[in-house]
Amino acid sequence: MWTEIDAHISQVTGEKFQSQQKRSVSGGCINQGYAVSDSQRTYFVKLNQASQVAMFEAEGMGLEEMLITASIRVPQPLCWGTAGNSGYIVLEWVEMGGGNTKSWLEMGRKLAAMHKATSSQGFGWKINNTIGSTPQINTWTADWAEFYAKHRLGYQFQLARRRGGNFPKQEKLLAAIPELLTDHQVEPSLVHGDLWGGNAGCTVSGEPVIFDPATYFGDREVDIAMTELFGGFPAAFYQGYNEIFPLDAGYEQRKTLYNLYHILNHFNLFGGGYASQANRMIDQILR
């Protein structure tokens, strides 16, 4: 397997690469990760089953889409494919550090710059991808409320029913989404799609970087909402973001609606108490 991956790296870089050291590192919740080095270069390699290579392809294409904006740093994807029973993606190795207030201020500013990249095709993306290991449907849709109701919450509710989830007010919620978003003018912004603290950080030099995207064009507020879901980003991040691209009125009300998507996804991935949390959020939204 590693011989094939080395050959692919050599092909795309134009320089012979033969891995001499492979160090196990975090690859996220669902993948194995390795820092793979020769005597001069290091790359980040993520592995999963060969059947999951489409997930890596979508990740690579998402990172490329974000790189085009020349805004916030993301790891550059080199290549992806299958080797034996494994699927893989090879990324630029980014040496992570701690960051400081200035770093998080820049994180907010640069994410705001990325969010100014928009699509003339509407809401969605050119391919489907994944949120964690859950399929994420990105069919182009002209109307944001329709897209969010059908391809985000509606799809997660479908998966949850198969898992035995009970959400008594789901139909009432889905029917209410157009009204909940009626006064909100949304441009289809390029979003990261899975922007919690585990997918953002700073390099050893303090440069902000985001990674492991679930890319699509949607309401930019979905990214900001998720940064608040699991503890929140430093205050400097929100200060920097609002300097460049102030949030619209009503964001605090929409935040729960947008974070419901991730809580439903967590129920579909992990089960447990996420169903009751989702039902509490639904009650809050419908008040």
C-alpha atoms as a PDB file:
ATOM      1  CA  MET A   1       0.000   0.000   0.000  1.00  0.00           C
ATOM      2  CA  TRP A   2       2.640   2.534   1.025  1.00  0.00           C
ATOM      3  CA  THR A   3       4.654   1.856  -2.139  1.00  0.00           C
ATOM      4  CA  GLU A   4       1.615   2.858  -4.209  1.00  0.00           C
ATOM      5  CA  ILE A   5       1.016   5.985  -2.141  1.00  0.00           C
ATOM      6  CA  ASP A   6       4.702   6.950  -2.413  1.00  0.00           C
ATOM      7  CA  ALA A   7       4.498   6.520  -6.189  1.00  0.00           C
ATOM      8  CA  HIS A   8       1.402   8.724  -6.373  1.00  0.00           C
ATOM      9  CA  ILE A   9       3.120  11.458  -4.339  1.00  0.00           C
ATOM     10  CA  SER A  10       6.157  11.216  -6.627  1.00  0.00           C
ATOM     11  CA  GLN A  11       3.928  11.504  -9.688  1.00  0.00           C
ATOM     12  CA  VAL A  12       2.023  14.620  -8.586  1.00  0.00           C
ATOM     13  CA  THR A  13       5.043  16.450  -7.134  1.00  0.00           C
ATOM     14  CA  GLY A  14       7.473  15.531  -9.900  1.00  0.00           C
ATOM     15  CA  GLU A  15      10.035  14.535  -7.275  1.00  0.00           C
ATOM     16  CA  LYS A  16      10.911  11.041  -6.123  1.00  0.00           C
ATOM     17  CA  PHE A  17       9.369  10.313  -2.729  1.00  0.00           C
ATOM     18  CA  GLN A  18      10.079   7.201  -0.703  1.00  0.00           C
ATOM     19  CA  SER A  19       8.630   7.208   2.791  1.00  0.00           C
ATOM     20  CA  GLN A  20      11.159   6.401   5.480  1.00  0.00           C
ATOM     21  CA  GLN A  21       9.126   7.224   8.573  1.00  0.00           C
ATOM     22  CA  LYS A  22       5.408   6.859   9.307  1.00  0.00           C
ATOM     23  CA  ARG A  23       4.134   8.336  12.547  1.00  0.00           C
ATOM     24  CA  SER A  24       0.562   7.756  13.687  1.00  0.00           C
ATOM     25  CA  VAL A  25      -1.309  11.037  14.275  1.00  0.00           C
ATOM     26  CA  SER A  26      -4.957  11.987  14.645  1.00  0.00           C
ATOM     27  CA  GLY A  27      -6.935  11.559  11.444  1.00  0.00           C
ATOM     28  CA  GLY A  28     -10.226  12.819  12.836  1.00  0.00           C
ATOM     29  CA  CYS A  29     -13.085  10.746  14.222  1.00  0.00           C
ATOM     30  CA  ILE A  30     -13.340   8.231  11.385  1.00  0.00           C
ATOM     31  CA  ASN A  31      -9.937   7.947   9.677  1.00  0.00           C
ATOM     32  CA  GLN A  32      -6.435   6.781  10.496  1.00  0.00           C
ATOM     33  CA  GLY A  33      -3.835   9.529  10.157  1.00  0.00           C
ATOM     34  CA  TYR A  34      -0.095   9.398   9.512  1.00  0.00           C
ATOM     35  CA  ALA A  35       2.742  11.877   9.205  1.00  0.00           C
ATOM     36  CA  VAL A  36       4.761  10.328   6.386  1.00  0.00           C
ATOM     37  CA  SER A  37       8.319  11.525   5.783  1.00  0.00           C
ATOM     38  CA  ASP A  38      11.413  10.959   3.715  1.00  0.00           C
ATOM     39  CA  SER A  39      14.658  12.730   4.604  1.00  0.00           C
ATOM     40  CA  GLN A  40      13.337  16.139   3.473  1.00  0.00           C
ATOM     41  CA  ARG A  41       9.546  16.286   3.227  1.00  0.00           C
ATOM     42  CA  THR A  42       6.545  15.370   5.366  1.00  0.00           C
ATOM     43  CA  TYR A  43       2.972  14.784   4.214  1.00  0.00           C
ATOM     44  CA  PHE A  44      -0.260  14.057   6.046  1.00  0.00           C
ATOM     45  CA  VAL A  45      -1.932  10.842   4.887  1.00  0.00           C
ATOM     46  CA  LYS A  46      -5.434   9.806   5.924  1.00  0.00           C
ATOM     47  CA  LEU A  47      -6.612   6.235   5.425  1.00  0.00           C
ATOM     48  CA  ASN A  48      -9.975   4.519   5.399  1.00  0.00           C
ATOM     49  CA  GLN A  49     -11.528   1.607   3.542  1.00  0.00           C
ATOM     50  CA  ALA A  50     -11.227   1.675  -0.244  1.00  0.00           C
ATOM     51  CA  SER A  51     -15.016   2.032  -0.440  1.00  0.00           C
ATOM     52  CA  GLN A  52     -14.673   5.465   1.216  1.00  0.00           C
ATOM     53  CA  VAL A  53     -12.425   7.008  -1.436  1.00  0.00           C
ATOM     54  CA  ALA A  54     -15.287   9.220  -2.673  1.00  0.00           C
ATOM     55  CA  MET A  55     -15.259  10.864   0.761  1.00  0.00           C
ATOM     56  CA  PHE A  56     -11.578  11.709   0.300  1.00  0.00           C
ATOM     57  CA  GLU A  57     -12.173  12.934  -3.241  1.00  0.00           C
ATOM     58  CA  ALA A  58     -14.862  15.312  -1.956  1.00  0.00           C
ATOM     59  CA  GLU A  59     -12.554  16.501   0.825  1.00  0.00           C
ATOM     60  CA  GLY A  60      -9.776  17.210  -1.661  1.00  0.00           C
ATOM     61  CA  MET A  61     -12.118  19.040  -4.025  1.00  0.00           C
ATOM     62  CA  GLY A  62     -13.532  21.042  -1.119  1.00  0.00           C
ATOM     63  CA  LEU A  63     -10.075  22.147  -0.036  1.00  0.00           C
ATOM     64  CA  GLU A  64      -9.291  23.122  -3.633  1.00  0.00           C
ATOM     65  CA  GLU A  65     -12.489  25.193  -3.761  1.00  0.00           C
ATOM     66  CA  MET A  66     -11.447  27.004  -0.598  1.00  0.00           C
ATOM     67  CA  LEU A  67      -7.897  27.548  -1.869  1.00  0.00           C
ATOM     68  CA  ILE A  68      -9.254  29.331  -4.943  1.00  0.00           C
ATOM     69  CA  THR A  69     -10.612  32.093  -2.700  1.00  0.00           C
ATOM     70  CA  ALA A  70      -7.060  32.997  -1.542  1.00  0.00           C
ATOM     71  CA  SER A  71      -8.504  33.875   1.855  1.00  0.00           C
ATOM     72  CA  ILE A  72      -7.942  31.563   4.817  1.00  0.00           C
ATOM     73  CA  ARG A  73      -5.261  28.894   4.858  1.00  0.00           C
ATOM     74  CA  VAL A  74      -6.276  25.280   4.325  1.00  0.00           C
ATOM     75  CA  PRO A  75      -4.016  22.261   3.792  1.00  0.00           C
ATOM     76  CA  GLN A  76      -3.224  21.812   0.120  1.00  0.00           C
ATOM     77  CA  PRO A  77      -4.430  18.446  -1.176  1.00  0.00           C
ATOM     78  CA  LEU A  78      -1.887  16.550  -3.259  1.00  0.00           C
ATOM     79  CA  CYS A  79      -3.689  13.398  -4.335  1.00  0.00           C
ATOM     80  CA  TRP A  80      -6.177  10.728  -3.366  1.00  0.00           C
ATOM     81  CA  GLY A  81      -6.997   7.219  -4.522  1.00  0.00           C
ATOM     82  CA  THR A  82      -7.052   3.565  -3.531  1.00  0.00           C
ATOM     83  CA  ALA A  83      -4.223   1.190  -2.696  1.00  0.00           C
ATOM     84  CA  GLY A  84      -5.193  -2.386  -1.981  1.00  0.00           C
ATOM     85  CA  ASN A  85      -8.070  -2.385   0.490  1.00  0.00           C
ATOM     86  CA  SER A  86      -7.448   1.211   1.563  1.00  0.00           C
ATOM     87  CA  GLY A  87      -8.617   4.580   0.360  1.00  0.00           C
ATOM     88  CA  TYR A  88      -6.294   7.501   1.024  1.00  0.00           C
ATOM     89  CA  ILE A  89      -5.793  11.224   0.687  1.00  0.00           C
ATOM     90  CA  VAL A  90      -2.421  12.974   0.852  1.00  0.00           C
ATOM     91  CA  LEU A  91      -2.338  16.535   2.169  1.00  0.00           C
ATOM     92  CA  GLU A  92       0.238  19.177   2.886  1.00  0.00           C
ATOM     93  CA  TRP A  93       1.666  18.702   6.377  1.00  0.00           C
ATOM     94  CA  VAL A  94       0.829  21.721   8.552  1.00  0.00           C
ATOM     95  CA  GLU A  95       2.726  22.072  11.831  1.00  0.00           C
ATOM     96  CA  MET A  96       0.145  23.209  14.346  1.00  0.00           C
ATOM     97  CA  GLY A  97       0.789  25.466  17.339  1.00  0.00           C
ATOM     98  CA  GLY A  98      -1.198  27.406  19.894  1.00  0.00           C
ATOM     99  CA  GLY A  99      -2.066  30.751  18.352  1.00  0.00           C
ATOM    100  CA  ASN A 100      -2.937  33.927  20.242  1.00  0.00           C
ATOM    101  CA  THR A 101      -5.502  36.722  20.216  1.00  0.00           C
ATOM    102  CA  LYS A 102      -4.075  38.165  16.994  1.00  0.00           C
ATOM    103  CA  SER A 103      -4.292  34.728  15.356  1.00  0.00           C
ATOM    104  CA  TRP A 104      -7.981  34.367  16.190  1.00  0.00           C
ATOM    105  CA  LEU A 105      -8.708  37.916  15.076  1.00  0.00           C
ATOM    106  CA  GLU A 106      -7.172  36.985  11.717  1.00  0.00           C
ATOM    107  CA  MET A 107      -9.105  33.704  11.692  1.00  0.00           C
ATOM    108  CA  GLY A 108     -12.357  35.664  11.843  1.00  0.00           C
ATOM    109  CA  ARG A 109     -11.271  38.163   9.204  1.00  0.00           C
ATOM    110  CA  LYS A 110     -10.082  35.489   6.797  1.00  0.00           C
ATOM    111  CA  LEU A 111     -13.155  33.305   7.212  1.00  0.00           C
ATOM    112  CA  ALA A 112     -15.268  36.383   6.466  1.00  0.00           C
ATOM    113  CA  ALA A 113     -13.235  36.884   3.284  1.00  0.00           C
ATOM    114  CA  MET A 114     -13.867  33.268   2.267  1.00  0.00           C
ATOM    115  CA  HIS A 115     -17.592  33.714   2.887  1.00  0.00           C
ATOM    116  CA  LYS A 116     -17.620  36.512   0.319  1.00  0.00           C
ATOM    117  CA  ALA A 117     -17.011  33.888  -2.378  1.00  0.00           C
ATOM    118  CA  THR A 118     -20.453  33.116  -3.811  1.00  0.00           C
ATOM    119  CA  SER A 119     -22.058  30.885  -6.429  1.00  0.00           C
ATOM    120  CA  SER A 120     -24.301  31.905  -9.312  1.00  0.00           C
ATOM    121  CA  GLN A 121     -25.788  28.381  -9.337  1.00  0.00           C
ATOM    122  CA  GLY A 122     -27.595  28.755  -6.030  1.00  0.00           C
ATOM    123  CA  PHE A 123     -27.248  26.691  -2.877  1.00  0.00           C
ATOM    124  CA  GLY A 124     -25.460  23.343  -2.925  1.00  0.00           C
ATOM    125  CA  TRP A 125     -22.284  22.150  -4.581  1.00  0.00           C
ATOM    126  CA  LYS A 126     -21.029  20.302  -7.638  1.00  0.00           C
ATOM    127  CA  ILE A 127     -20.944  16.929  -5.834  1.00  0.00           C
ATOM    128  CA  ASN A 128     -22.351  15.365  -2.690  1.00  0.00           C
ATOM    129  CA  ASN A 129     -19.920  14.947   0.187  1.00  0.00           C
ATOM    130  CA  THR A 130     -20.022  13.881   3.834  1.00  0.00           C
ATOM    131  CA  ILE A 131     -20.508  15.426   7.256  1.00  0.00           C
ATOM    132  CA  GLY A 132     -18.429  13.098   9.386  1.00  0.00           C
ATOM    133  CA  SER A 133     -19.260   9.800   7.699  1.00  0.00           C
ATOM    134  CA  THR A 134     -22.881  10.790   6.977  1.00  0.00           C
ATOM    135  CA  PRO A 135     -23.739  11.553   3.339  1.00  0.00           C
ATOM    136  CA  GLN A 136     -24.402  15.245   2.731  1.00  0.00           C
ATOM    137  CA  ILE A 137     -26.669  16.021  -0.217  1.00  0.00           C
ATOM    138  CA  ASN A 138     -25.697  19.118  -2.205  1.00  0.00           C
ATOM    139  CA  THR A 139     -28.208  19.222  -5.070  1.00  0.00           C
ATOM    140  CA  TRP A 140     -28.251  22.761  -6.491  1.00  0.00           C
ATOM    141  CA  THR A 141     -31.338  24.605  -5.249  1.00  0.00           C
ATOM    142  CA  ALA A 142     -32.371  28.200  -5.928  1.00  0.00           C
ATOM    143  CA  ASP A 143     -34.078  28.810  -2.574  1.00  0.00           C
ATOM    144  CA  TRP A 144     -32.157  28.552   0.705  1.00  0.00           C
ATOM    145  CA  ALA A 145     -35.161  27.649   2.867  1.00  0.00           C
ATOM    146  CA  GLU A 146     -36.055  24.824   0.482  1.00  0.00           C
ATOM    147  CA  PHE A 147     -32.455  23.596   0.382  1.00  0.00           C
ATOM    148  CA  TYR A 148     -32.080  23.646   4.151  1.00  0.00           C
ATOM    149  CA  ALA A 149     -35.433  21.983   4.828  1.00  0.00           C
ATOM    150  CA  LYS A 150     -34.948  19.214   2.258  1.00  0.00           C
ATOM    151  CA  HIS A 151     -31.223  18.513   2.023  1.00  0.00           C
ATOM    152  CA  ARG A 152     -30.121  19.348   5.545  1.00  0.00           C
ATOM    153  CA  LEU A 153     -32.774  18.828   8.235  1.00  0.00           C
ATOM    154  CA  GLY A 154     -35.156  16.707   6.160  1.00  0.00           C
ATOM    155  CA  TYR A 155     -32.437  14.272   5.142  1.00  0.00           C
ATOM    156  CA  GLN A 156     -31.128  13.965   8.705  1.00  0.00           C
ATOM    157  CA  PHE A 157     -34.662  13.287   9.970  1.00  0.00           C
ATOM    158  CA  GLN A 158     -34.995  10.494   7.383  1.00  0.00           C
ATOM    159  CA  LEU A 159     -31.797   8.873   8.622  1.00  0.00           C
ATOM    160  CA  ALA A 160     -32.861   9.341  12.241  1.00  0.00           C
ATOM    161  CA  ARG A 161     -36.165   7.536  11.680  1.00  0.00           C
ATOM    162  CA  ARG A 162     -34.255   4.504  10.407  1.00  0.00           C
ATOM    163  CA  ARG A 163     -32.198   4.629  13.583  1.00  0.00           C
ATOM    164  CA  GLY A 164     -35.325   4.693  15.749  1.00  0.00           C
ATOM    165  CA  GLY A 165     -35.289   8.405  16.537  1.00  0.00           C
ATOM    166  CA  ASN A 166     -38.546   9.992  17.667  1.00  0.00           C
ATOM    167  CA  PHE A 167     -39.033  13.658  16.808  1.00  0.00           C
ATOM    168  CA  PRO A 168     -42.767  14.414  17.223  1.00  0.00           C
ATOM    169  CA  LYS A 169     -42.552  17.973  15.891  1.00  0.00           C
ATOM    170  CA  GLN A 170     -40.289  17.372  12.907  1.00  0.00           C
ATOM    171  CA  GLU A 171     -42.997  17.944  10.276  1.00  0.00           C
ATOM    172  CA  LYS A 172     -44.156  21.114  12.016  1.00  0.00           C
ATOM    173  CA  LEU A 173     -40.567  22.351  12.069  1.00  0.00           C
ATOM    174  CA  LEU A 174     -39.890  21.557   8.410  1.00  0.00           C
ATOM    175  CA  ALA A 175     -43.093  23.329   7.393  1.00  0.00           C
ATOM    176  CA  ALA A 176     -42.097  26.373   9.459  1.00  0.00           C
ATOM    177  CA  ILE A 177     -38.644  26.855   7.911  1.00  0.00           C
ATOM    178  CA  PRO A 178     -39.756  29.214   5.095  1.00  0.00           C
ATOM    179  CA  GLU A 179     -41.416  31.467   7.675  1.00  0.00           C
ATOM    180  CA  LEU A 180     -38.472  31.228  10.076  1.00  0.00           C
ATOM    181  CA  LEU A 181     -36.165  32.449   7.295  1.00  0.00           C
ATOM    182  CA  THR A 182     -38.607  34.768   5.533  1.00  0.00           C
ATOM    183  CA  ASP A 183     -36.905  38.063   6.429  1.00  0.00           C
ATOM    184  CA  HIS A 184     -33.379  36.737   5.986  1.00  0.00           C
ATOM    185  CA  GLN A 185     -31.719  37.603   2.681  1.00  0.00           C
ATOM    186  CA  VAL A 186     -29.163  34.877   1.992  1.00  0.00           C
ATOM    187  CA  GLU A 187     -26.366  34.852  -0.553  1.00  0.00           C
ATOM    188  CA  PRO A 188     -24.902  31.413  -1.366  1.00  0.00           C
ATOM    189  CA  SER A 189     -21.530  31.747   0.370  1.00  0.00           C
ATOM    190  CA  LEU A 190     -18.754  29.179   0.264  1.00  0.00           C
ATOM    191  CA  VAL A 191     -18.860  27.575   3.711  1.00  0.00           C
ATOM    192  CA  HIS A 192     -16.601  25.128   5.508  1.00  0.00           C
ATOM    193  CA  GLY A 193     -19.661  23.199   6.650  1.00  0.00           C
ATOM    194  CA  ASP A 194     -18.216  21.484   9.751  1.00  0.00           C
ATOM    195  CA  LEU A 195     -16.492  24.324  11.572  1.00  0.00           C
ATOM    196  CA  TRP A 196     -16.108  23.229  15.180  1.00  0.00           C
ATOM    197  CA  GLY A 197     -12.984  23.698  17.281  1.00  0.00           C
ATOM    198  CA  GLY A 198     -11.495  20.375  16.193  1.00  0.00           C
ATOM    199  CA  ASN A 199     -11.359  21.552  12.569  1.00  0.00           C
ATOM    200  CA  ALA A 200      -9.662  24.910  13.144  1.00  0.00           C
ATOM    201  CA  GLY A 201      -6.429  26.061  14.718  1.00  0.00           C
ATOM    202  CA  CYS A 202      -3.208  27.952  14.200  1.00  0.00           C
ATOM    203  CA  THR A 203       0.197  27.006  12.858  1.00  0.00           C
ATOM    204  CA  VAL A 204       3.375  27.260  14.924  1.00  0.00           C
ATOM    205  CA  SER A 205       3.834  30.746  13.449  1.00  0.00           C
ATOM    206  CA  GLY A 206       0.303  31.753  14.515  1.00  0.00           C
ATOM    207  CA  GLU A 207      -1.332  31.603  11.077  1.00  0.00           C
ATOM    208  CA  PRO A 208      -4.997  30.521  11.230  1.00  0.00           C
ATOM    209  CA  VAL A 209      -5.908  27.353   9.347  1.00  0.00           C
ATOM    210  CA  ILE A 210      -9.113  25.342   8.870  1.00  0.00           C
ATOM    211  CA  PHE A 211      -9.397  21.757   7.639  1.00  0.00           C
ATOM    212  CA  ASP A 212     -11.636  18.661   7.306  1.00  0.00           C
ATOM    213  CA  PRO A 213     -14.369  20.578   5.452  1.00  0.00           C
ATOM    214  CA  ALA A 214     -17.882  19.555   4.436  1.00  0.00           C
ATOM    215  CA  THR A 215     -17.894  22.225   1.741  1.00  0.00           C
ATOM    216  CA  TYR A 216     -20.918  23.692  -0.027  1.00  0.00           C
ATOM    217  CA  PHE A 217     -22.502  27.038  -0.883  1.00  0.00           C
ATOM    218  CA  GLY A 218     -24.994  28.031   1.803  1.00  0.00           C
ATOM    219  CA  ASP A 219     -25.837  30.629   4.414  1.00  0.00           C
ATOM    220  CA  ARG A 220     -22.544  31.816   5.910  1.00  0.00           C
ATOM    221  CA  GLU A 221     -24.217  31.789   9.320  1.00  0.00           C
ATOM    222  CA  VAL A 222     -24.070  27.978   9.406  1.00  0.00           C
ATOM    223  CA  ASP A 223     -20.312  28.220   9.966  1.00  0.00           C
ATOM    224  CA  ILE A 224     -20.574  30.883  12.652  1.00  0.00           C
ATOM    225  CA  ALA A 225     -23.343  28.971  14.417  1.00  0.00           C
ATOM    226  CA  MET A 226     -21.288  25.800  14.560  1.00  0.00           C
ATOM    227  CA  THR A 227     -18.303  27.615  16.052  1.00  0.00           C
ATOM    228  CA  GLU A 228     -20.577  28.265  19.039  1.00  0.00           C
ATOM    229  CA  LEU A 229     -21.961  24.726  19.337  1.00  0.00           C
ATOM    230  CA  PHE A 230     -19.210  22.959  21.266  1.00  0.00           C
ATOM    231  CA  GLY A 231     -17.828  25.646  23.537  1.00  0.00           C
ATOM    232  CA  GLY A 232     -17.247  28.507  21.125  1.00  0.00           C
ATOM    233  CA  PHE A 233     -14.180  30.103  19.567  1.00  0.00           C
ATOM    234  CA  PRO A 234     -12.242  32.896  21.319  1.00  0.00           C
ATOM    235  CA  ALA A 235     -13.971  36.296  21.364  1.00  0.00           C
ATOM    236  CA  ALA A 236     -11.325  37.717  19.016  1.00  0.00           C
ATOM    237  CA  PHE A 237     -12.598  35.415  16.251  1.00  0.00           C
ATOM    238  CA  TYR A 238     -16.080  36.959  16.301  1.00  0.00           C
ATOM    239  CA  GLN A 239     -14.627  40.459  16.555  1.00  0.00           C
ATOM    240  CA  GLY A 240     -12.493  39.881  13.472  1.00  0.00           C
ATOM    241  CA  TYR A 241     -15.348  38.328  11.519  1.00  0.00           C
ATOM    242  CA  ASN A 242     -17.752  41.183  12.206  1.00  0.00           C
ATOM    243  CA  GLU A 243     -15.141  43.759  11.220  1.00  0.00           C
ATOM    244  CA  ILE A 244     -15.175  42.362   7.683  1.00  0.00           C
ATOM    245  CA  PHE A 245     -18.655  40.863   7.263  1.00  0.00           C
ATOM    246  CA  PRO A 246     -21.074  41.783  10.074  1.00  0.00           C
ATOM    247  CA  LEU A 247     -23.724  39.207  10.886  1.00  0.00           C
ATOM    248  CA  ASP A 248     -27.300  40.020   9.940  1.00  0.00           C
ATOM    249  CA  ALA A 249     -30.037  40.849  12.432  1.00  0.00           C
ATOM    250  CA  GLY A 250     -31.773  37.729  13.712  1.00  0.00           C
ATOM    251  CA  TYR A 251     -28.675  35.527  13.725  1.00  0.00           C
ATOM    252  CA  GLU A 252     -29.188  34.578  17.379  1.00  0.00           C
ATOM    253  CA  GLN A 253     -32.606  33.126  16.500  1.00  0.00           C
ATOM    254  CA  ARG A 254     -31.360  31.270  13.406  1.00  0.00           C
ATOM    255  CA  LYS A 255     -28.330  29.845  15.212  1.00  0.00           C
ATOM    256  CA  THR A 256     -30.320  27.090  16.935  1.00  0.00           C
ATOM    257  CA  LEU A 257     -32.023  26.136  13.666  1.00  0.00           C
ATOM    258  CA  TYR A 258     -28.656  25.751  11.967  1.00  0.00           C
ATOM    259  CA  ASN A 259     -27.013  23.850  14.816  1.00  0.00           C
ATOM    260  CA  LEU A 260     -29.907  21.391  14.917  1.00  0.00           C
ATOM    261  CA  TYR A 261     -28.436  19.890  11.742  1.00  0.00           C
ATOM    262  CA  HIS A 262     -25.258  18.913  13.564  1.00  0.00           C
ATOM    263  CA  ILE A 263     -27.061  17.567  16.629  1.00  0.00           C
ATOM    264  CA  LEU A 264     -29.248  15.378  14.406  1.00  0.00           C
ATOM    265  CA  ASN A 265     -26.111  14.221  12.621  1.00  0.00           C
ATOM    266  CA  HIS A 266     -24.523  13.365  15.967  1.00  0.00           C
ATOM    267  CA  PHE A 267     -27.604  11.314  16.811  1.00  0.00           C
ATOM    268  CA  ASN A 268     -27.273   9.481  13.500  1.00  0.00           C
ATOM    269  CA  LEU A 269     -23.575   8.856  14.122  1.00  0.00           C
ATOM    270  CA  PHE A 270     -23.519   8.172  17.857  1.00  0.00           C
ATOM    271  CA  GLY A 271     -27.093   7.818  19.169  1.00  0.00           C
ATOM    272  CA  GLY A 272     -27.468   8.435  22.881  1.00  0.00           C
ATOM    273  CA  GLY A 273     -28.758  11.681  24.328  1.00  0.00           C
ATOM    274  CA  TYR A 274     -28.537  13.654  21.103  1.00  0.00           C
ATOM    275  CA  ALA A 275     -32.192  12.841  20.314  1.00  0.00           C
ATOM    276  CA  SER A 276     -33.459  14.538  23.465  1.00  0.00           C
ATOM    277  CA  GLN A 277     -31.142  17.490  22.813  1.00  0.00           C
ATOM    278  CA  ALA A 278     -32.544  17.772  19.287  1.00  0.00           C
ATOM    279  CA  ASN A 279     -36.125  17.725  20.592  1.00  0.00           C
ATOM    280  CA  ARG A 280     -35.316  20.493  23.070  1.00  0.00           C
ATOM    281  CA  MET A 281     -33.850  22.558  20.240  1.00  0.00           C
ATOM    282  CA  ILE A 282     -36.938  21.976  18.091  1.00  0.00           C
ATOM    283  CA  ASP A 283     -39.148  23.195  20.943  1.00  0.00           C
ATOM    284  CA  GLN A 284     -36.965  26.275  21.321  1.00  0.00           C
ATOM    285  CA  ILE A 285     -37.126  27.068  17.590  1.00  0.00           C
ATOM    286  CA  LEU A 286     -40.919  26.694  17.436  1.00  0.00           C
ATOM    287  CA  ARG A 287     -41.686  28.857  20.474  1.00  0.00           C
END
